[in-house]
Amino acid sequence: MTAGDPLHGITLETILKTLVEQIGWTAMGKAVEIRCFTHDPNIKSSLTFLRRTPWARAKVEELYLRQKATTCEKH
């Protein structure tokens, strides 16, 4: 990541906690269909999976950026 990257300085844990707070696990599971979001979801297991699974992490980061853009448009 570089300084020009919109995710620069934002940890994966922060991304997950923000998404859970803003849209919840159910919406996250619909947007990114991965088991750790749909079956007994929690931050720890999701972090473990996402750190080991680049394609899933990329989708979660995209979801975060879309959510952030949507939130900014509302304000």
Foldseek 3Di string as FASTA:
>chain_A
DDPPDPCPPPDPLNLVVVCCVPPRLVVVCVQQVDCCSPPPHDSVVVVVVCVVDVVSVVSSVVVSVVVVVVVVVVD
